[in-house]
Amino acid sequence: ENKKKYEFIEDLPGVGPATAGKLRELGYHTVESVAMATSRELDPVGV
């Protein structure tokens, strides 16, 4: 019950339109692909 389904990357907590745009530029278009990333790979996002 505590698991929340996020359909789009914008639905993820802490991901606004600007962050979502940068994630897509890096090739992360889906929640599944973000789940398989490492925090170091998200460095260019600027968070």
ModelCIF file with pLDDT and N, C-alpha, C, O atoms, coordinates in Angstrom:
data_MODEL
#
_entry.id   MODEL 
#
_entity.id                         1 
_entity.type                       polymer 
_entity.pdbx_number_of_molecules   1 
#
_entity_poly.entity_id                      1 
_entity_poly.type                           'polypeptide(L)' 
_entity_poly.nstd_linkage                   no 
_entity_poly.nstd_monomer                   no 
_entity_poly.pdbx_seq_one_letter_code       ENKKKYEFIEDLPGVGPATAGKLRELGYHTVESVAMATSRELDPVGV 
_entity_poly.pdbx_seq_one_letter_code_can   ENKKKYEFIEDLPGVGPATAGKLRELGYHTVESVAMATSRELDPVGV 
_entity_poly.pdbx_strand_id                 A 
#
loop_
_entity_poly_seq.entity_id 
_entity_poly_seq.num 
_entity_poly_seq.mon_id 
_entity_poly_seq.hetero 
1 1  GLU n 
1 2  ASN n 
1 3  LYS n 
1 4  LYS n 
1 5  LYS n 
1 6  TYR n 
1 7  GLU n 
1 8  PHE n 
1 9  ILE n 
1 10 GLU n 
1 11 ASP n 
1 12 LEU n 
1 13 PRO n 
1 14 GLY n 
1 15 VAL n 
1 16 GLY n 
1 17 PRO n 
1 18 ALA n 
1 19 THR n 
1 20 ALA n 
1 21 GLY n 
1 22 LYS n 
1 23 LEU n 
1 24 ARG n 
1 25 GLU n 
1 26 LEU n 
1 27 GLY n 
1 28 TYR n 
1 29 HIS n 
1 30 THR n 
1 31 VAL n 
1 32 GLU n 
1 33 SER n 
1 34 VAL n 
1 35 ALA n 
1 36 MET n 
1 37 ALA n 
1 38 THR n 
1 39 SER n 
1 40 ARG n 
1 41 GLU n 
1 42 LEU n 
1 43 ASP n 
1 44 PRO n 
1 45 VAL n 
1 46 GLY n 
1 47 VAL n 
#
_struct_asym.id          A 
_struct_asym.entity_id   1 
#
loop_
_ma_qa_metric.id 
_ma_qa_metric.mode 
_ma_qa_metric.name 
_ma_qa_metric.software_group_id 
_ma_qa_metric.type 
1 global pLDDT . pLDDT 
2 local  pLDDT . pLDDT 
#
_ma_qa_metric_global.metric_id      1 
_ma_qa_metric_global.metric_value   84.32 
_ma_qa_metric_global.model_id       1 
_ma_qa_metric_global.ordinal_id     1 
#
loop_
_ma_qa_metric_local.label_asym_id 
_ma_qa_metric_local.label_comp_id 
_ma_qa_metric_local.label_seq_id 
_ma_qa_metric_local.metric_id 
_ma_qa_metric_local.metric_value 
_ma_qa_metric_local.model_id 
_ma_qa_metric_local.ordinal_id 
A GLU 1  2 38.00 1 1  
A ASN 2  2 42.00 1 2  
A LYS 3  2 51.00 1 3  
A LYS 4  2 65.00 1 4  
A LYS 5  2 77.00 1 5  
A TYR 6  2 85.00 1 6  
A GLU 7  2 84.00 1 7  
A PHE 8  2 88.00 1 8  
A ILE 9  2 89.00 1 9  
A GLU 10 2 91.00 1 10 
A ASP 11 2 90.00 1 11 
A LEU 12 2 91.00 1 12 
A PRO 13 2 89.00 1 13 
A GLY 14 2 87.00 1 14 
A VAL 15 2 91.00 1 15 
A GLY 16 2 89.00 1 16 
A PRO 17 2 90.00 1 17 
A ALA 18 2 90.00 1 18 
A THR 19 2 91.00 1 19 
A ALA 20 2 91.00 1 20 
A GLY 21 2 91.00 1 21 
A LYS 22 2 90.00 1 22 
A LEU 23 2 91.00 1 23 
A ARG 24 2 90.00 1 24 
A GLU 25 2 88.00 1 25 
A LEU 26 2 86.00 1 26 
A GLY 27 2 85.00 1 27 
A TYR 28 2 89.00 1 28 
A HIS 29 2 89.00 1 29 
A THR 30 2 88.00 1 30 
A VAL 31 2 88.00 1 31 
A GLU 32 2 84.00 1 32 
A SER 33 2 86.00 1 33 
A VAL 34 2 89.00 1 34 
A ALA 35 2 86.00 1 35 
A MET 36 2 81.00 1 36 
A ALA 37 2 85.00 1 37 
A THR 38 2 84.00 1 38 
A SER 39 2 85.00 1 39 
A ARG 40 2 85.00 1 40 
A GLU 41 2 86.00 1 41 
A LEU 42 2 89.00 1 42 
A ASP 43 2 88.00 1 43 
A PRO 44 2 89.00 1 44 
A VAL 45 2 88.00 1 45 
A GLY 46 2 87.00 1 46 
A VAL 47 2 87.00 1 47 
#
loop_
_atom_site.group_PDB 
_atom_site.id 
_atom_site.type_symbol 
_atom_site.label_atom_id 
_atom_site.label_alt_id 
_atom_site.label_comp_id 
_atom_site.label_asym_id 
_atom_site.label_entity_id 
_atom_site.label_seq_id 
_atom_site.pdbx_PDB_ins_code 
_atom_site.Cartn_x 
_atom_site.Cartn_y 
_atom_site.Cartn_z 
_atom_site.occupancy 
_atom_site.B_iso_or_equiv 
_atom_site.pdbx_formal_charge 
_atom_site.auth_seq_id 
_atom_site.auth_comp_id 
_atom_site.auth_asym_id 
_atom_site.auth_atom_id 
_atom_site.pdbx_PDB_model_num 
ATOM 1   N N  . GLU A 1 1  ? 0.818  -1.222 0.000   1.00 38.00 ? 1  GLU A N  1 
ATOM 2   C CA . GLU A 1 1  ? 0.000  0.000  0.000   1.00 38.00 ? 1  GLU A CA 1 
ATOM 3   C C  . GLU A 1 1  ? 0.851  1.272  0.000   1.00 38.00 ? 1  GLU A C  1 
ATOM 4   O O  . GLU A 1 1  ? 0.439  2.316  -0.505  1.00 38.00 ? 1  GLU A O  1 
ATOM 5   N N  . ASN A 1 2  ? 2.069  1.153  0.590   1.00 42.00 ? 2  ASN A N  1 
ATOM 6   C CA . ASN A 1 2  ? 2.939  2.331  0.684   1.00 42.00 ? 2  ASN A CA 1 
ATOM 7   C C  . ASN A 1 2  ? 3.685  2.624  -0.614  1.00 42.00 ? 2  ASN A C  1 
ATOM 8   O O  . ASN A 1 2  ? 4.331  3.662  -0.754  1.00 42.00 ? 2  ASN A O  1 
ATOM 9   N N  . LYS A 1 3  ? 3.586  1.702  -1.547  1.00 51.00 ? 3  LYS A N  1 
ATOM 10  C CA . LYS A 1 3  ? 4.256  1.912  -2.822  1.00 51.00 ? 3  LYS A CA 1 
ATOM 11  C C  . LYS A 1 3  ? 3.409  2.801  -3.711  1.00 51.00 ? 3  LYS A C  1 
ATOM 12  O O  . LYS A 1 3  ? 2.231  2.527  -3.944  1.00 51.00 ? 3  LYS A O  1 
ATOM 13  N N  . LYS A 1 4  ? 4.010  3.850  -4.196  1.00 65.00 ? 4  LYS A N  1 
ATOM 14  C CA . LYS A 1 4  ? 3.279  4.756  -5.062  1.00 65.00 ? 4  LYS A CA 1 
ATOM 15  C C  . LYS A 1 4  ? 3.769  4.576  -6.483  1.00 65.00 ? 4  LYS A C  1 
ATOM 16  O O  . LYS A 1 4  ? 4.975  4.556  -6.727  1.00 65.00 ? 4  LYS A O  1 
ATOM 17  N N  . LYS A 1 5  ? 2.862  4.449  -7.407  1.00 77.00 ? 5  LYS A N  1 
ATOM 18  C CA . LYS A 1 5  ? 3.221  4.275  -8.816  1.00 77.00 ? 5  LYS A CA 1 
ATOM 19  C C  . LYS A 1 5  ? 3.392  5.641  -9.463  1.00 77.00 ? 5  LYS A C  1 
ATOM 20  O O  . LYS A 1 5  ? 2.498  6.486  -9.407  1.00 77.00 ? 5  LYS A O  1 
ATOM 21  N N  . TYR A 1 6  ? 4.544  5.844  -10.072 1.00 85.00 ? 6  TYR A N  1 
ATOM 22  C CA . TYR A 1 6  ? 4.794  7.080  -10.817 1.00 85.00 ? 6  TYR A CA 1 
ATOM 23  C C  . TYR A 1 6  ? 4.816  6.734  -12.296 1.00 85.00 ? 6  TYR A C  1 
ATOM 24  O O  . TYR A 1 6  ? 5.617  5.911  -12.739 1.00 85.00 ? 6  TYR A O  1 
ATOM 25  N N  . GLU A 1 7  ? 3.936  7.364  -13.054 1.00 84.00 ? 7  GLU A N  1 
ATOM 26  C CA . GLU A 1 7  ? 3.832  7.026  -14.470 1.00 84.00 ? 7  GLU A CA 1 
ATOM 27  C C  . GLU A 1 7  ? 4.840  7.803  -15.308 1.00 84.00 ? 7  GLU A C  1 
ATOM 28  O O  . GLU A 1 7  ? 5.448  7.244  -16.221 1.00 84.00 ? 7  GLU A O  1 
ATOM 29  N N  . PHE A 1 8  ? 5.021  9.082  -15.006 1.00 88.00 ? 8  PHE A N  1 
ATOM 30  C CA . PHE A 1 8  ? 5.948  9.926  -15.768 1.00 88.00 ? 8  PHE A CA 1 
ATOM 31  C C  . PHE A 1 8  ? 7.034  10.450 -14.842 1.00 88.00 ? 8  PHE A C  1 
ATOM 32  O O  . PHE A 1 8  ? 6.841  10.501 -13.627 1.00 88.00 ? 8  PHE A O  1 
ATOM 33  N N  . ILE A 1 9  ? 8.192  10.847 -15.410 1.00 89.00 ? 9  ILE A N  1 
ATOM 34  C CA . ILE A 1 9  ? 9.291  11.301 -14.555 1.00 89.00 ? 9  ILE A CA 1 
ATOM 35  C C  . ILE A 1 9  ? 8.922  12.585 -13.801 1.00 89.00 ? 9  ILE A C  1 
ATOM 36  O O  . ILE A 1 9  ? 9.464  12.848 -12.728 1.00 89.00 ? 9  ILE A O  1 
ATOM 37  N N  . GLU A 1 10 ? 7.994  13.390 -14.362 1.00 91.00 ? 10 GLU A N  1 
ATOM 38  C CA . GLU A 1 10 ? 7.537  14.603 -13.661 1.00 91.00 ? 10 GLU A CA 1 
ATOM 39  C C  . GLU A 1 10 ? 6.787  14.265 -12.374 1.00 91.00 ? 10 GLU A C  1 
ATOM 40  O O  . GLU A 1 10 ? 6.685  15.098 -11.474 1.00 91.00 ? 10 GLU A O  1 
ATOM 41  N N  . ASP A 1 11 ? 6.259  13.030 -12.290 1.00 90.00 ? 11 ASP A N  1 
ATOM 42  C CA . ASP A 1 11 ? 5.513  12.621 -11.098 1.00 90.00 ? 11 ASP A CA 1 
ATOM 43  C C  . ASP A 1 11 ? 6.428  12.318 -9.913  1.00 90.00 ? 11 ASP A C  1 
ATOM 44  O O  . ASP A 1 11 ? 5.979  12.294 -8.767  1.00 90.00 ? 11 ASP A O  1 
ATOM 45  N N  . LEU A 1 12 ? 7.721  12.086 -10.193 1.00 91.00 ? 12 LEU A N  1 
ATOM 46  C CA . LEU A 1 12 ? 8.654  11.742 -9.121  1.00 91.00 ? 12 LEU A CA 1 
ATOM 47  C C  . LEU A 1 12 ? 8.862  12.932 -8.189  1.00 91.00 ? 12 LEU A C  1 
ATOM 48  O O  . LEU A 1 12 ? 9.020  14.055 -8.667  1.00 91.00 ? 12 LEU A O  1 
ATOM 49  N N  . PRO A 1 13 ? 8.866  12.719 -6.877  1.00 89.00 ? 13 PRO A N  1 
ATOM 50  C CA . PRO A 1 13 ? 9.067  13.835 -5.949  1.00 89.00 ? 13 PRO A CA 1 
ATOM 51  C C  . PRO A 1 13 ? 10.418 14.504 -6.183  1.00 89.00 ? 13 PRO A C  1 
ATOM 52  O O  . PRO A 1 13 ? 11.446 13.834 -6.287  1.00 89.00 ? 13 PRO A O  1 
ATOM 53  N N  . GLY A 1 14 ? 10.403 15.827 -6.264  1.00 87.00 ? 14 GLY A N  1 
ATOM 54  C CA . GLY A 1 14 ? 11.637 16.578 -6.475  1.00 87.00 ? 14 GLY A CA 1 
ATOM 55  C C  . GLY A 1 14 ? 11.986 16.825 -7.917  1.00 87.00 ? 14 GLY A C  1 
ATOM 56  O O  . GLY A 1 14 ? 12.994 17.468 -8.211  1.00 87.00 ? 14 GLY A O  1 
ATOM 57  N N  . VAL A 1 15 ? 11.153 16.314 -8.845  1.00 91.00 ? 15 VAL A N  1 
ATOM 58  C CA . VAL A 1 15 ? 11.415 16.519 -10.278 1.00 91.00 ? 15 VAL A CA 1 
ATOM 59  C C  . VAL A 1 15 ? 10.399 17.515 -10.839 1.00 91.00 ? 15 VAL A C  1 
ATOM 60  O O  . VAL A 1 15 ? 9.236  17.180 -11.062 1.00 91.00 ? 15 VAL A O  1 
ATOM 61  N N  . GLY A 1 16 ? 10.863 18.739 -11.060 1.00 89.00 ? 16 GLY A N  1 
ATOM 62  C CA . GLY A 1 16 ? 10.021 19.758 -11.686 1.00 89.00 ? 16 GLY A CA 1 
ATOM 63  C C  . GLY A 1 16 ? 10.224 19.752 -13.188 1.00 89.00 ? 16 GLY A C  1 
ATOM 64  O O  . GLY A 1 16 ? 10.984 18.928 -13.697 1.00 89.00 ? 16 GLY A O  1 
ATOM 65  N N  . PRO A 1 17 ? 9.558  20.658 -13.923 1.00 90.00 ? 17 PRO A N  1 
ATOM 66  C CA . PRO A 1 17 ? 9.675  20.709 -15.389 1.00 90.00 ? 17 PRO A CA 1 
ATOM 67  C C  . PRO A 1 17 ? 11.118 20.881 -15.878 1.00 90.00 ? 17 PRO A C  1 
ATOM 68  O O  . PRO A 1 17 ? 11.522 20.249 -16.854 1.00 90.00 ? 17 PRO A O  1 
ATOM 69  N N  . ALA A 1 18 ? 11.900 21.744 -15.193 1.00 90.00 ? 18 ALA A N  1 
ATOM 70  C CA . ALA A 1 18 ? 13.289 21.988 -15.618 1.00 90.00 ? 18 ALA A CA 1 
ATOM 71  C C  . ALA A 1 18 ? 14.149 20.735 -15.439 1.00 90.00 ? 18 ALA A C  1 
ATOM 72  O O  . ALA A 1 18 ? 14.915 20.361 -16.327 1.00 90.00 ? 18 ALA A O  1 
ATOM 73  N N  . THR A 1 19 ? 14.006 20.087 -14.260 1.00 91.00 ? 19 THR A N  1 
ATOM 74  C CA . THR A 1 19 ? 14.774 18.862 -13.993 1.00 91.00 ? 19 THR A CA 1 
ATOM 75  C C  . THR A 1 19 ? 14.362 17.754 -14.957 1.00 91.00 ? 19 THR A C  1 
ATOM 76  O O  . THR A 1 19 ? 15.204 17.006 -15.453 1.00 91.00 ? 19 THR A O  1 
ATOM 77  N N  . ALA A 1 20 ? 13.061 17.657 -15.216 1.00 91.00 ? 20 ALA A N  1 
ATOM 78  C CA . ALA A 1 20 ? 12.553 16.634 -16.155 1.00 91.00 ? 20 ALA A CA 1 
ATOM 79  C C  . ALA A 1 20 ? 13.152 16.852 -17.545 1.00 91.00 ? 20 ALA A C  1 
ATOM 80  O O  . ALA A 1 20 ? 13.527 15.898 -18.227 1.00 91.00 ? 20 ALA A O  1 
ATOM 81  N N  . GLY A 1 21 ? 13.236 18.118 -17.955 1.00 91.00 ? 21 GLY A N  1 
ATOM 82  C CA . GLY A 1 21 ? 13.813 18.438 -19.267 1.00 91.00 ? 21 GLY A CA 1 
ATOM 83  C C  . GLY A 1 21 ? 15.269 18.008 -19.361 1.00 91.00 ? 21 GLY A C  1 
ATOM 84  O O  . GLY A 1 21 ? 15.705 17.467 -20.377 1.00 91.00 ? 21 GLY A O  1 
ATOM 85  N N  . LYS A 1 22 ? 16.026 18.258 -18.277 1.00 90.00 ? 22 LYS A N  1 
ATOM 86  C CA . LYS A 1 22 ? 17.446 17.876 -18.263 1.00 90.00 ? 22 LYS A CA 1 
ATOM 87  C C  . LYS A 1 22 ? 17.609 16.355 -18.233 1.00 90.00 ? 22 LYS A C  1 
ATOM 88  O O  . LYS A 1 22 ? 18.521 15.811 -18.855 1.00 90.00 ? 22 LYS A O  1 
ATOM 89  N N  . LEU A 1 23 ? 16.719 15.672 -17.506 1.00 91.00 ? 23 LEU A N  1 
ATOM 90  C CA . LEU A 1 23 ? 16.759 14.200 -17.480 1.00 91.00 ? 23 LEU A CA 1 
ATOM 91  C C  . LEU A 1 23 ? 16.532 13.628 -18.873 1.00 91.00 ? 23 LEU A C  1 
ATOM 92  O O  . LEU A 1 23 ? 17.196 12.678 -19.287 1.00 91.00 ? 23 LEU A O  1 
ATOM 93  N N  . ARG A 1 24 ? 15.583 14.224 -19.588 1.00 90.00 ? 24 ARG A N  1 
ATOM 94  C CA . ARG A 1 24 ? 15.295 13.742 -20.945 1.00 90.00 ? 24 ARG A CA 1 
ATOM 95  C C  . ARG A 1 24 ? 16.479 14.001 -21.883 1.00 90.00 ? 24 ARG A C  1 
ATOM 96  O O  . ARG A 1 24 ? 16.774 13.187 -22.759 1.00 90.00 ? 24 ARG A O  1 
ATOM 97  N N  . GLU A 1 25 ? 17.146 15.128 -21.694 1.00 88.00 ? 25 GLU A N  1 
ATOM 98  C CA . GLU A 1 25 ? 18.333 15.428 -22.501 1.00 88.00 ? 25 GLU A CA 1 
ATOM 99  C C  . GLU A 1 25 ? 19.426 14.375 -22.281 1.00 88.00 ? 25 GLU A C  1 
ATOM 100 O O  . GLU A 1 25 ? 20.192 14.058 -23.191 1.00 88.00 ? 25 GLU A O  1 
ATOM 101 N N  . LEU A 1 26 ? 19.481 13.848 -21.066 1.00 86.00 ? 26 LEU A N  1 
ATOM 102 C CA . LEU A 1 26 ? 20.476 12.816 -20.731 1.00 86.00 ? 26 LEU A CA 1 
ATOM 103 C C  . LEU A 1 26 ? 20.039 11.419 -21.187 1.00 86.00 ? 26 LEU A C  1 
ATOM 104 O O  . LEU A 1 26 ? 20.812 10.465 -21.107 1.00 86.00 ? 26 LEU A O  1 
ATOM 105 N N  . GLY A 1 27 ? 18.799 11.308 -21.663 1.00 85.00 ? 27 GLY A N  1 
ATOM 106 C CA . GLY A 1 27 ? 18.311 10.012 -22.134 1.00 85.00 ? 27 GLY A CA 1 
ATOM 107 C C  . GLY A 1 27 ? 17.417 9.279  -21.167 1.00 85.00 ? 27 GLY A C  1 
ATOM 108 O O  . GLY A 1 27 ? 17.094 8.112  -21.386 1.00 85.00 ? 27 GLY A O  1 
ATOM 109 N N  . TYR A 1 28 ? 16.999 9.959  -20.071 1.00 89.00 ? 28 TYR A N  1 
ATOM 110 C CA . TYR A 1 28 ? 16.094 9.330  -19.087 1.00 89.00 ? 28 TYR A CA 1 
ATOM 111 C C  . TYR A 1 28 ? 14.671 9.824  -19.346 1.00 89.00 ? 28 TYR A C  1 
ATOM 112 O O  . TYR A 1 28 ? 14.264 10.883 -18.866 1.00 89.00 ? 28 TYR A O  1 
ATOM 113 N N  . HIS A 1 29 ? 13.932 9.032  -20.113 1.00 89.00 ? 29 HIS A N  1 
ATOM 114 C CA . HIS A 1 29 ? 12.583 9.438  -20.513 1.00 89.00 ? 29 HIS A CA 1 
ATOM 115 C C  . HIS A 1 29 ? 11.491 8.760  -19.693 1.00 89.00 ? 29 HIS A C  1 
ATOM 116 O O  . HIS A 1 29 ? 10.345 9.209  -19.690 1.00 89.00 ? 29 HIS A O  1 
ATOM 117 N N  . THR A 1 30 ? 11.844 7.674  -18.994 1.00 88.00 ? 30 THR A N  1 
ATOM 118 C CA . THR A 1 30 ? 10.838 6.905  -18.260 1.00 88.00 ? 30 THR A CA 1 
ATOM 119 C C  . THR A 1 30 ? 11.284 6.690  -16.814 1.00 88.00 ? 30 THR A C  1 
ATOM 120 O O  . THR A 1 30 ? 12.468 6.789  -16.489 1.00 88.00 ? 30 THR A O  1 
ATOM 121 N N  . VAL A 1 31 ? 10.309 6.395  -15.957 1.00 88.00 ? 31 VAL A N  1 
ATOM 122 C CA . VAL A 1 31 ? 10.596 6.095  -14.552 1.00 88.00 ? 31 VAL A CA 1 
ATOM 123 C C  . VAL A 1 31 ? 11.513 4.878  -14.454 1.00 88.00 ? 31 VAL A C  1 
ATOM 124 O O  . VAL A 1 31 ? 12.397 4.829  -13.599 1.00 88.00 ? 31 VAL A O  1 
ATOM 125 N N  . GLU A 1 32 ? 11.299 3.890  -15.340 1.00 84.00 ? 32 GLU A N  1 
ATOM 126 C CA . GLU A 1 32 ? 12.115 2.673  -15.324 1.00 84.00 ? 32 GLU A CA 1 
ATOM 127 C C  . GLU A 1 32 ? 13.594 2.981  -15.546 1.00 84.00 ? 32 GLU A C  1 
ATOM 128 O O  . GLU A 1 32 ? 14.458 2.418  -14.873 1.00 84.00 ? 32 GLU A O  1 
ATOM 129 N N  . SER A 1 33 ? 13.885 3.883  -16.496 1.00 86.00 ? 33 SER A N  1 
ATOM 130 C CA . SER A 1 33 ? 15.285 4.188  -16.792 1.00 86.00 ? 33 SER A CA 1 
ATOM 131 C C  . SER A 1 33 ? 15.935 4.986  -15.660 1.00 86.00 ? 33 SER A C  1 
ATOM 132 O O  . SER A 1 33 ? 17.121 4.808  -15.381 1.00 86.00 ? 33 SER A O  1 
ATOM 133 N N  . VAL A 1 34 ? 15.166 5.866  -15.004 1.00 89.00 ? 34 VAL A N  1 
ATOM 134 C CA . VAL A 1 34 ? 15.693 6.616  -13.850 1.00 89.00 ? 34 VAL A CA 1 
ATOM 135 C C  . VAL A 1 34 ? 16.015 5.640  -12.711 1.00 89.00 ? 34 VAL A C  1 
ATOM 136 O O  . VAL A 1 34 ? 17.013 5.808  -12.010 1.00 89.00 ? 34 VAL A O  1 
ATOM 137 N N  . ALA A 1 35 ? 15.173 4.631  -12.532 1.00 86.00 ? 35 ALA A N  1 
ATOM 138 C CA . ALA A 1 35 ? 15.376 3.644  -11.465 1.00 86.00 ? 35 ALA A CA 1 
ATOM 139 C C  . ALA A 1 35 ? 16.684 2.877  -11.632 1.00 86.00 ? 35 ALA A C  1 
ATOM 140 O O  . ALA A 1 35 ? 17.272 2.425  -10.649 1.00 86.00 ? 35 ALA A O  1 
ATOM 141 N N  . MET A 1 36 ? 17.139 2.729  -12.875 1.00 81.00 ? 36 MET A N  1 
ATOM 142 C CA . MET A 1 36 ? 18.365 1.974  -13.149 1.00 81.00 ? 36 MET A CA 1 
ATOM 143 C C  . MET A 1 36 ? 19.611 2.864  -13.164 1.00 81.00 ? 36 MET A C  1 
ATOM 144 O O  . MET A 1 36 ? 20.712 2.371  -13.411 1.00 81.00 ? 36 MET A O  1 
ATOM 145 N N  . ALA A 1 37 ? 19.454 4.167  -12.905 1.00 85.00 ? 37 ALA A N  1 
ATOM 146 C CA . ALA A 1 37 ? 20.582 5.108  -12.949 1.00 85.00 ? 37 ALA A CA 1 
ATOM 147 C C  . ALA A 1 37 ? 21.334 5.122  -11.626 1.00 85.00 ? 37 ALA A C  1 
ATOM 148 O O  . ALA A 1 37 ? 20.846 4.614  -10.617 1.00 85.00 ? 37 ALA A O  1 
ATOM 149 N N  . THR A 1 38 ? 22.534 5.710  -11.641 1.00 84.00 ? 38 THR A N  1 
ATOM 150 C CA . THR A 1 38 ? 23.282 5.958  -10.411 1.00 84.00 ? 38 THR A CA 1 
ATOM 151 C C  . THR A 1 38 ? 23.269 7.465  -10.157 1.00 84.00 ? 38 THR A C  1 
ATOM 152 O O  . THR A 1 38 ? 23.073 8.253  -11.082 1.00 84.00 ? 38 THR A O  1 
ATOM 153 N N  . SER A 1 39 ? 23.476 7.862  -8.906  1.00 85.00 ? 39 SER A N  1 
ATOM 154 C CA . SER A 1 39 ? 23.435 9.294  -8.581  1.00 85.00 ? 39 SER A CA 1 
ATOM 155 C C  . SER A 1 39 ? 24.522 10.055 -9.327  1.00 85.00 ? 39 SER A C  1 
ATOM 156 O O  . SER A 1 39 ? 24.332 11.224 -9.663  1.00 85.00 ? 39 SER A O  1 
ATOM 157 N N  . ARG A 1 40 ? 25.655 9.415  -9.592  1.00 85.00 ? 40 ARG A N  1 
ATOM 158 C CA . ARG A 1 40 ? 26.737 10.069 -10.335 1.00 85.00 ? 40 ARG A CA 1 
ATOM 159 C C  . ARG A 1 40 ? 26.327 10.340 -11.784 1.00 85.00 ? 40 ARG A C  1 
ATOM 160 O O  . ARG A 1 40 ? 26.712 11.355 -12.366 1.00 85.00 ? 40 ARG A O  1 
ATOM 161 N N  . GLU A 1 41 ? 25.550 9.431  -12.357 1.00 86.00 ? 41 GLU A N  1 
ATOM 162 C CA . GLU A 1 41 ? 25.094 9.619  -13.743 1.00 86.00 ? 41 GLU A CA 1 
ATOM 163 C C  . GLU A 1 41 ? 24.139 10.807 -13.879 1.00 86.00 ? 41 GLU A C  1 
ATOM 164 O O  . GLU A 1 41 ? 23.951 11.339 -14.973 1.00 86.00 ? 41 GLU A O  1 
ATOM 165 N N  . LEU A 1 42 ? 23.540 11.216 -12.761 1.00 89.00 ? 42 LEU A N  1 
ATOM 166 C CA . LEU A 1 42 ? 22.609 12.359 -12.791 1.00 89.00 ? 42 LEU A CA 1 
ATOM 167 C C  . LEU A 1 42 ? 23.305 13.684 -12.468 1.00 89.00 ? 42 LEU A C  1 
ATOM 168 O O  . LEU A 1 42 ? 22.638 14.711 -12.337 1.00 89.00 ? 42 LEU A O  1 
ATOM 169 N N  . ASP A 1 43 ? 24.640 13.675 -12.339 1.00 88.00 ? 43 ASP A N  1 
ATOM 170 C CA . ASP A 1 43 ? 25.397 14.909 -12.062 1.00 88.00 ? 43 ASP A CA 1 
ATOM 171 C C  . ASP A 1 43 ? 25.071 16.047 -13.039 1.00 88.00 ? 43 ASP A C  1 
ATOM 172 O O  . ASP A 1 43 ? 24.857 17.176 -12.597 1.00 88.00 ? 43 ASP A O  1 
ATOM 173 N N  . PRO A 1 44 ? 25.027 15.777 -14.381 1.00 89.00 ? 44 PRO A N  1 
ATOM 174 C CA . PRO A 1 44 ? 24.772 16.864 -15.332 1.00 89.00 ? 44 PRO A CA 1 
ATOM 175 C C  . PRO A 1 44 ? 23.396 17.523 -15.172 1.00 89.00 ? 44 PRO A C  1 
ATOM 176 O O  . PRO A 1 44 ? 23.163 18.603 -15.714 1.00 89.00 ? 44 PRO A O  1 
ATOM 177 N N  . VAL A 1 45 ? 22.492 16.885 -14.437 1.00 88.00 ? 45 VAL A N  1 
ATOM 178 C CA . VAL A 1 45 ? 21.151 17.460 -14.235 1.00 88.00 ? 45 VAL A CA 1 
ATOM 179 C C  . VAL A 1 45 ? 21.234 18.733 -13.389 1.00 88.00 ? 45 VAL A C  1 
ATOM 180 O O  . VAL A 1 45 ? 20.402 19.632 -13.510 1.00 88.00 ? 45 VAL A O  1 
ATOM 181 N N  . GLY A 1 46 ? 22.267 18.788 -12.520 1.00 87.00 ? 46 GLY A N  1 
ATOM 182 C CA . GLY A 1 46 ? 22.457 19.987 -11.707 1.00 87.00 ? 46 GLY A CA 1 
ATOM 183 C C  . GLY A 1 46 ? 21.825 19.904 -10.333 1.00 87.00 ? 46 GLY A C  1 
ATOM 184 O O  . GLY A 1 46 ? 21.677 20.927 -9.665  1.00 87.00 ? 46 GLY A O  1 
ATOM 185 N N  . VAL A 1 47 ? 21.447 18.708 -9.892  1.00 87.00 ? 47 VAL A N  1 
ATOM 186 C CA . VAL A 1 47 ? 20.913 18.552 -8.536  1.00 87.00 ? 47 VAL A CA 1 
ATOM 187 C C  . VAL A 1 47 ? 21.997 17.966 -7.651  1.00 87.00 ? 47 VAL A C  1 
ATOM 188 O O  . VAL A 1 47 ? 21.771 17.747 -6.461  1.00 87.00 ? 47 VAL A O  1 
#
